[in-house]
PDB file of all heavy atoms in Angstrom:
ATOM      1  N   VAL A   1     158.738  71.095 143.538  1.00  0.00           N
ATOM      2  CA  VAL A   1     160.064  70.512 143.752  1.00  0.00           C
ATOM      3  C   VAL A   1     161.193  71.470 143.392  1.00  0.00           C
ATOM      4  O   VAL A   1     162.365  71.077 143.408  1.00  0.00           O
ATOM      5  CB  VAL A   1     160.234  69.183 142.977  1.00  0.00           C
ATOM      6  CG1 VAL A   1     159.261  68.138 143.494  1.00  0.00           C
ATOM      7  CG2 VAL A   1     160.072  69.382 141.476  1.00  0.00           C
ATOM      8  N   GLN A   2     160.864  72.725 143.098  1.00  0.00           N
ATOM      9  CA  GLN A   2     161.915  73.715 142.890  1.00  0.00           C
ATOM     10  C   GLN A   2     162.603  74.075 144.197  1.00  0.00           C
ATOM     11  O   GLN A   2     163.677  74.691 144.208  1.00  0.00           O
ATOM     12  CB  GLN A   2     161.339  74.970 142.230  1.00  0.00           C
ATOM     13  CG  GLN A   2     160.781  74.732 140.827  1.00  0.00           C
ATOM     14  CD  GLN A   2     161.771  74.059 139.905  1.00  0.00           C
ATOM     15  OE1 GLN A   2     162.903  74.533 139.720  1.00  0.00           O
ATOM     16  NE2 GLN A   2     161.367  72.918 139.336  1.00  0.00           N
ATOM     17  N   THR A   3     161.992  73.681 145.293  1.00  0.00           N
ATOM     18  CA  THR A   3     162.610  73.787 146.601  1.00  0.00           C
ATOM     19  C   THR A   3     162.355  72.472 147.342  1.00  0.00           C
ATOM     20  O   THR A   3     161.389  71.761 147.045  1.00  0.00           O
ATOM     21  CB  THR A   3     162.042  74.954 147.429  1.00  0.00           C
ATOM     22  OG1 THR A   3     160.625  74.773 147.574  1.00  0.00           O
ATOM     23  CG2 THR A   3     162.326  76.293 146.760  1.00  0.00           C
ATOM     24  N   ALA A   4     163.209  72.146 148.282  1.00  0.00           N
ATOM     25  CA  ALA A   4     163.031  70.937 149.081  1.00  0.00           C
ATOM     26  C   ALA A   4     162.149  71.264 150.272  1.00  0.00           C
ATOM     27  O   ALA A   4     162.531  72.052 151.145  1.00  0.00           O
ATOM     28  CB  ALA A   4     164.380  70.401 149.538  1.00  0.00           C
ATOM     29  N   ASP A   5     160.951  70.693 150.301  1.00  0.00           N
ATOM     30  CA  ASP A   5     159.982  70.969 151.352  1.00  0.00           C
ATOM     31  C   ASP A   5     159.253  69.676 151.682  1.00  0.00           C
ATOM     32  O   ASP A   5     158.497  69.149 150.857  1.00  0.00           O
ATOM     33  CB  ASP A   5     159.003  72.051 150.886  1.00  0.00           C
ATOM     34  CG  ASP A   5     158.006  72.441 151.961  1.00  0.00           C
ATOM     35  OD1 ASP A   5     157.990  71.813 153.038  1.00  0.00           O
ATOM     36  OD2 ASP A   5     157.226  73.386 151.726  1.00  0.00           O
ATOM     37  N   ALA A   6     159.456  69.176 152.875  1.00  0.00           N
ATOM     38  CA  ALA A   6     158.864  67.894 153.259  1.00  0.00           C
ATOM     39  C   ALA A   6     157.378  67.989 153.553  1.00  0.00           C
ATOM     40  O   ALA A   6     156.721  66.958 153.763  1.00  0.00           O
ATOM     41  CB  ALA A   6     159.592  67.336 154.481  1.00  0.00           C
ATOM     42  N   SER A   7     156.822  69.203 153.537  1.00  0.00           N
ATOM     43  CA  SER A   7     155.411  69.357 153.898  1.00  0.00           C
ATOM     44  C   SER A   7     154.465  69.350 152.705  1.00  0.00           C
ATOM     45  O   SER A   7     153.249  69.283 152.884  1.00  0.00           O
ATOM     46  CB  SER A   7     155.217  70.661 154.680  1.00  0.00           C
ATOM     47  OG  SER A   7     155.498  71.787 153.852  1.00  0.00           O
ATOM     48  N   ASP A   8     155.004  69.411 151.468  1.00  0.00           N
ATOM     49  CA  ASP A   8     154.118  69.437 150.310  1.00  0.00           C
ATOM     50  C   ASP A   8     153.888  68.021 149.778  1.00  0.00           C
ATOM     51  O   ASP A   8     154.367  67.046 150.342  1.00  0.00           O
ATOM     52  CB  ASP A   8     154.646  70.377 149.219  1.00  0.00           C
ATOM     53  CG  ASP A   8     156.042  70.003 148.743  1.00  0.00           C
ATOM     54  OD1 ASP A   8     156.373  68.793 148.774  1.00  0.00           O
ATOM     55  OD2 ASP A   8     156.802  70.901 148.334  1.00  0.00           O
ATOM     56  N   ASN A   9     153.155  67.927 148.668  1.00  0.00           N
ATOM     57  CA  ASN A   9     152.775  66.602 148.162  1.00  0.00           C
ATOM     58  C   ASN A   9     153.651  66.138 147.008  1.00  0.00           C
ATOM     59  O   ASN A   9     153.249  65.273 146.224  1.00  0.00           O
ATOM     60  CB  ASN A   9     151.308  66.597 147.726  1.00  0.00           C
ATOM     61  CG  ASN A   9     151.079  67.371 146.438  1.00  0.00           C
ATOM     62  OD1 ASN A   9     151.772  68.358 146.187  1.00  0.00           O
ATOM     63  ND2 ASN A   9     150.135  66.932 145.626  1.00  0.00           N
ATOM     64  N   ALA A  10     154.856  66.698 146.870  1.00  0.00           N
ATOM     65  CA  ALA A  10     155.769  66.302 145.801  1.00  0.00           C
ATOM     66  C   ALA A  10     157.187  66.241 146.343  1.00  0.00           C
ATOM     67  O   ALA A  10     157.542  66.957 147.290  1.00  0.00           O
ATOM     68  CB  ALA A  10     155.688  67.281 144.627  1.00  0.00           C
ATOM     69  N   ALA A  11     157.997  65.380 145.739  1.00  0.00           N
ATOM     70  CA  ALA A  11     159.380  65.236 146.185  1.00  0.00           C
ATOM     71  C   ALA A  11     160.253  64.823 145.015  1.00  0.00           C
ATOM     72  O   ALA A  11     159.839  64.005 144.174  1.00  0.00           O
ATOM     73  CB  ALA A  11     159.486  64.202 147.308  1.00  0.00           C
ATOM     74  N   ARG A  12     161.440  65.377 144.970  1.00  0.00           N
ATOM     75  CA  ARG A  12     162.429  64.941 144.004  1.00  0.00           C
ATOM     76  C   ARG A  12     163.157  63.761 144.623  1.00  0.00           C
ATOM     77  O   ARG A  12     163.593  63.823 145.788  1.00  0.00           O
ATOM     78  CB  ARG A  12     163.394  66.090 143.706  1.00  0.00           C
ATOM     79  CG  ARG A  12     164.138  65.993 142.395  1.00  0.00           C
ATOM     80  CD  ARG A  12     163.267  66.248 141.216  1.00  0.00           C
ATOM     81  NE  ARG A  12     164.085  66.397 139.985  1.00  0.00           N
ATOM     82  CZ  ARG A  12     163.756  65.897 138.821  1.00  0.00           C
ATOM     83  NH1 ARG A  12     162.629  65.214 138.685  1.00  0.00           N
ATOM     84  NH2 ARG A  12     164.522  66.070 137.771  1.00  0.00           N
ATOM     85  N   ILE A  13     163.284  62.665 143.880  1.00  0.00           N
ATOM     86  CA  ILE A  13     163.868  61.439 144.418  1.00  0.00           C
ATOM     87  C   ILE A  13     165.012  60.978 143.528  1.00  0.00           C
ATOM     88  O   ILE A  13     165.049  61.297 142.335  1.00  0.00           O
ATOM     89  CB  ILE A  13     162.803  60.340 144.574  1.00  0.00           C
ATOM     90  CG1 ILE A  13     162.168  59.997 143.215  1.00  0.00           C
ATOM     91  CG2 ILE A  13     161.733  60.770 145.564  1.00  0.00           C
ATOM     92  CD1 ILE A  13     161.115  58.899 143.286  1.00  0.00           C
ATOM     93  N   MET A  14     165.942  60.216 144.106  1.00  0.00           N
ATOM     94  CA  MET A  14     167.152  59.840 143.368  1.00  0.00           C
ATOM     95  C   MET A  14     167.674  58.491 143.843  1.00  0.00           C
ATOM     96  O   MET A  14     167.593  58.153 145.026  1.00  0.00           O
ATOM     97  CB  MET A  14     168.221  60.922 143.571  1.00  0.00           C
ATOM     98  CG  MET A  14     169.612  60.594 143.067  1.00  0.00           C
ATOM     99  SD  MET A  14     170.689  62.060 143.234  1.00  0.00           S
ATOM    100  CE  MET A  14     172.287  61.289 143.429  1.00  0.00           C
ATOM    101  N   THR A  15     168.219  57.721 142.901  1.00  0.00           N
ATOM    102  CA  THR A  15     168.895  56.470 143.236  1.00  0.00           C
ATOM    103  C   THR A  15     170.214  56.397 142.492  1.00  0.00           C
ATOM    104  O   THR A  15     170.322  56.862 141.352  1.00  0.00           O
ATOM    105  CB  THR A  15     168.018  55.242 142.892  1.00  0.00           C
ATOM    106  OG1 THR A  15     168.717  54.039 143.249  1.00  0.00           O
ATOM    107  CG2 THR A  15     167.669  55.188 141.418  1.00  0.00           C
ATOM    108  N   VAL A  16     171.236  55.812 143.143  1.00  0.00           N
ATOM    109  CA  VAL A  16     172.533  55.667 142.495  1.00  0.00           C
ATOM    110  C   VAL A  16     173.283  54.487 143.113  1.00  0.00           C
ATOM    111  O   VAL A  16     173.283  54.296 144.329  1.00  0.00           O
ATOM    112  CB  VAL A  16     173.379  56.961 142.602  1.00  0.00           C
ATOM    113  CG1 VAL A  16     173.675  57.336 144.051  1.00  0.00           C
ATOM    114  CG2 VAL A  16     174.682  56.835 141.814  1.00  0.00           C
ATOM    115  N   ASN A  17     173.884  53.680 142.258  1.00  0.00           N
ATOM    116  CA  ASN A  17     174.794  52.617 142.678  1.00  0.00           C
ATOM    117  C   ASN A  17     176.185  53.232 142.789  1.00  0.00           C
ATOM    118  O   ASN A  17     176.711  53.784 141.818  1.00  0.00           O
ATOM    119  CB  ASN A  17     174.784  51.487 141.645  1.00  0.00           C
ATOM    120  CG  ASN A  17     175.669  50.321 142.028  1.00  0.00           C
ATOM    121  OD1 ASN A  17     176.763  50.489 142.544  1.00  0.00           O
ATOM    122  ND2 ASN A  17     175.214  49.111 141.745  1.00  0.00           N
ATOM    123  N   THR A  18     176.816  53.132 143.959  1.00  0.00           N
ATOM    124  CA  THR A  18     178.071  53.846 144.213  1.00  0.00           C
ATOM    125  C   THR A  18     179.335  53.039 143.882  1.00  0.00           C
ATOM    126  O   THR A  18     180.431  53.460 144.221  1.00  0.00           O
ATOM    127  CB  THR A  18     178.159  54.303 145.677  1.00  0.00           C
ATOM    128  OG1 THR A  18     178.395  53.168 146.521  1.00  0.00           O
ATOM    129  CG2 THR A  18     176.891  55.011 146.112  1.00  0.00           C
ATOM    130  N   LEU A  19     179.172  51.886 143.222  1.00  0.00           N
ATOM    131  CA  LEU A  19     180.320  51.038 142.858  1.00  0.00           C
ATOM    132  C   LEU A  19     181.166  50.716 144.089  1.00  0.00           C
ATOM    133  O   LEU A  19     182.342  51.047 144.189  1.00  0.00           O
ATOM    134  CB  LEU A  19     181.178  51.696 141.775  1.00  0.00           C
ATOM    135  CG  LEU A  19     182.299  50.830 141.181  1.00  0.00           C
ATOM    136  CD1 LEU A  19     181.749  49.563 140.550  1.00  0.00           C
ATOM    137  CD2 LEU A  19     183.110  51.613 140.151  1.00  0.00           C
ATOM    138  N   ASN A  20     180.514  50.076 145.049  1.00  0.00           N
ATOM    139  CA  ASN A  20     181.172  49.644 146.277  1.00  0.00           C
ATOM    140  C   ASN A  20     181.821  50.798 147.026  1.00  0.00           C
ATOM    141  O   ASN A  20     182.862  50.652 147.656  1.00  0.00           O
ATOM    142  CB  ASN A  20     182.211  48.553 145.985  1.00  0.00           C
ATOM    143  CG  ASN A  20     182.480  47.687 147.203  1.00  0.00           C
ATOM    144  OD1 ASN A  20     181.624  47.548 148.077  1.00  0.00           O
ATOM    145  ND2 ASN A  20     183.675  47.116 147.274  1.00  0.00           N
ATOM    146  N   GLY A  21     181.183  51.974 146.935  1.00  0.00           N
ATOM    147  CA  GLY A  21     181.644  53.116 147.703  1.00  0.00           C
ATOM    148  C   GLY A  21     182.665  54.002 147.029  1.00  0.00           C
ATOM    149  O   GLY A  21     183.157  54.954 147.638  1.00  0.00           O
ATOM    150  N   TYR A  22     182.980  53.737 145.759  1.00  0.00           N
ATOM    151  CA  TYR A  22     183.977  54.548 145.058  1.00  0.00           C
ATOM    152  C   TYR A  22     183.393  55.823 144.447  1.00  0.00           C
ATOM    153  O   TYR A  22     184.135  56.667 143.940  1.00  0.00           O
ATOM    154  CB  TYR A  22     184.667  53.722 143.964  1.00  0.00           C
ATOM    155  CG  TYR A  22     185.620  52.693 144.505  1.00  0.00           C
ATOM    156  CD1 TYR A  22     185.279  51.331 144.485  1.00  0.00           C
ATOM    157  CD2 TYR A  22     186.832  53.052 145.063  1.00  0.00           C
ATOM    158  CE1 TYR A  22     186.133  50.373 145.001  1.00  0.00           C
ATOM    159  CE2 TYR A  22     187.698  52.103 145.589  1.00  0.00           C
ATOM    160  CZ  TYR A  22     187.352  50.765 145.549  1.00  0.00           C
ATOM    161  OH  TYR A  22     188.195  49.816 146.067  1.00  0.00           O
ATOM    162  N   ALA A  23     182.087  55.979 144.476  1.00  0.00           N
ATOM    163  CA  ALA A  23     181.479  57.198 143.939  1.00  0.00           C
ATOM    164  C   ALA A  23     181.902  58.403 144.762  1.00  0.00           C
ATOM    165  O   ALA A  23     182.224  58.306 145.954  1.00  0.00           O
ATOM    166  CB  ALA A  23     179.962  57.063 143.945  1.00  0.00           C
ATOM    167  N   ASP A  24     181.896  59.550 144.116  1.00  0.00           N
ATOM    168  CA  ASP A  24     182.287  60.801 144.765  1.00  0.00           C
ATOM    169  C   ASP A  24     181.159  61.243 145.693  1.00  0.00           C
ATOM    170  O   ASP A  24     180.122  61.740 145.248  1.00  0.00           O
ATOM    171  CB  ASP A  24     182.553  61.859 143.692  1.00  0.00           C
ATOM    172  CG  ASP A  24     183.124  63.147 144.259  1.00  0.00           C
ATOM    173  OD1 ASP A  24     182.784  63.499 145.414  1.00  0.00           O
ATOM    174  OD2 ASP A  24     183.891  63.831 143.547  1.00  0.00           O
ATOM    175  N   ALA A  25     181.356  61.064 146.997  1.00  0.00           N
ATOM    176  CA  ALA A  25     180.310  61.374 147.973  1.00  0.00           C
ATOM    177  C   ALA A  25     179.971  62.859 147.975  1.00  0.00           C
ATOM    178  O   ALA A  25     178.798  63.236 148.087  1.00  0.00           O
ATOM    179  CB  ALA A  25     180.750  60.930 149.366  1.00  0.00           C
ATOM    180  N   ALA A  26     180.985  63.696 147.842  1.00  0.00           N
ATOM    181  CA  ALA A  26     180.734  65.134 147.829  1.00  0.00           C
ATOM    182  C   ALA A  26     179.864  65.528 146.638  1.00  0.00           C
ATOM    183  O   ALA A  26     178.986  66.397 146.756  1.00  0.00           O
ATOM    184  CB  ALA A  26     182.058  65.893 147.800  1.00  0.00           C
ATOM    185  N   GLN A  27     180.090  64.888 145.496  1.00  0.00           N
ATOM    186  CA  GLN A  27     179.272  65.192 144.324  1.00  0.00           C
ATOM    187  C   GLN A  27     177.834  64.725 144.521  1.00  0.00           C
ATOM    188  O   GLN A  27     176.889  65.405 144.114  1.00  0.00           O
ATOM    189  CB  GLN A  27     179.867  64.553 143.075  1.00  0.00           C
ATOM    190  CG  GLN A  27     179.120  64.935 141.795  1.00  0.00           C
ATOM    191  CD  GLN A  27     179.646  64.239 140.558  1.00  0.00           C
ATOM    192  OE1 GLN A  27     180.589  63.439 140.623  1.00  0.00           O
ATOM    193  NE2 GLN A  27     179.051  64.530 139.416  1.00  0.00           N
ATOM    194  N   ILE A  28     177.655  63.554 145.143  1.00  0.00           N
ATOM    195  CA  ILE A  28     176.304  63.065 145.418  1.00  0.00           C
ATOM    196  C   ILE A  28     175.543  64.058 146.293  1.00  0.00           C
ATOM    197  O   ILE A  28     174.391  64.403 146.024  1.00  0.00           O
ATOM    198  CB  ILE A  28     176.357  61.680 146.087  1.00  0.00           C
ATOM    199  CG1 ILE A  28     176.868  60.629 145.100  1.00  0.00           C
ATOM    200  CG2 ILE A  28     174.977  61.283 146.619  1.00  0.00           C
ATOM    201  CD1 ILE A  28     177.058  59.261 145.703  1.00  0.00           C
ATOM    202  N   VAL A  29     176.216  64.558 147.342  1.00  0.00           N
ATOM    203  CA  VAL A  29     175.573  65.533 148.224  1.00  0.00           C
ATOM    204  C   VAL A  29     175.259  66.823 147.473  1.00  0.00           C
ATOM    205  O   VAL A  29     174.185  67.412 147.643  1.00  0.00           O
ATOM    206  CB  VAL A  29     176.449  65.811 149.460  1.00  0.00           C
ATOM    207  CG1 VAL A  29     175.860  66.938 150.299  1.00  0.00           C
ATOM    208  CG2 VAL A  29     176.591  64.549 150.304  1.00  0.00           C
ATOM    209  N   GLN A  30     176.176  67.242 146.601  1.00  0.00           N
ATOM    210  CA  GLN A  30     175.949  68.469 145.836  1.00  0.00           C
ATOM    211  C   GLN A  30     174.774  68.304 144.867  1.00  0.00           C
ATOM    212  O   GLN A  30     173.975  69.220 144.684  1.00  0.00           O
ATOM    213  CB  GLN A  30     177.212  68.872 145.077  1.00  0.00           C
ATOM    214  CG  GLN A  30     177.131  70.256 144.437  1.00  0.00           C
ATOM    215  CD  GLN A  30     176.865  71.351 145.461  1.00  0.00           C
ATOM    216  OE1 GLN A  30     177.530  71.421 146.501  1.00  0.00           O
ATOM    217  NE2 GLN A  30     175.871  72.189 145.193  1.00  0.00           N
ATOM    218  N   ILE A  31     174.667  67.125 144.248  1.00  0.00           N
ATOM    219  CA  ILE A  31     173.524  66.862 143.368  1.00  0.00           C
ATOM    220  C   ILE A  31     172.230  66.932 144.172  1.00  0.00           C
ATOM    221  O   ILE A  31     171.226  67.496 143.714  1.00  0.00           O
ATOM    222  CB  ILE A  31     173.669  65.479 142.689  1.00  0.00           C
ATOM    223  CG1 ILE A  31     174.828  65.495 141.690  1.00  0.00           C
ATOM    224  CG2 ILE A  31     172.371  65.091 141.976  1.00  0.00           C
ATOM    225  CD1 ILE A  31     175.170  64.128 141.132  1.00  0.00           C
ATOM    226  N   CYS A  32     172.253  66.383 145.385  1.00  0.00           N
ATOM    227  CA  CYS A  32     171.067  66.450 146.244  1.00  0.00           C
ATOM    228  C   CYS A  32     170.683  67.901 146.533  1.00  0.00           C
ATOM    229  O   CYS A  32     169.496  68.249 146.545  1.00  0.00           O
ATOM    230  CB  CYS A  32     171.308  65.694 147.549  1.00  0.00           C
ATOM    231  SG  CYS A  32     171.393  63.897 147.371  1.00  0.00           S
TER     232      CYS A  32
END
């Protein structure tokens, strides 16, 4: 998971409640 690769057997996963859309979308994408 040190790299994002859909072909291996591991994945980094994430969940977040965005408070009705007020979360910083750019930050969420950057975290991803």
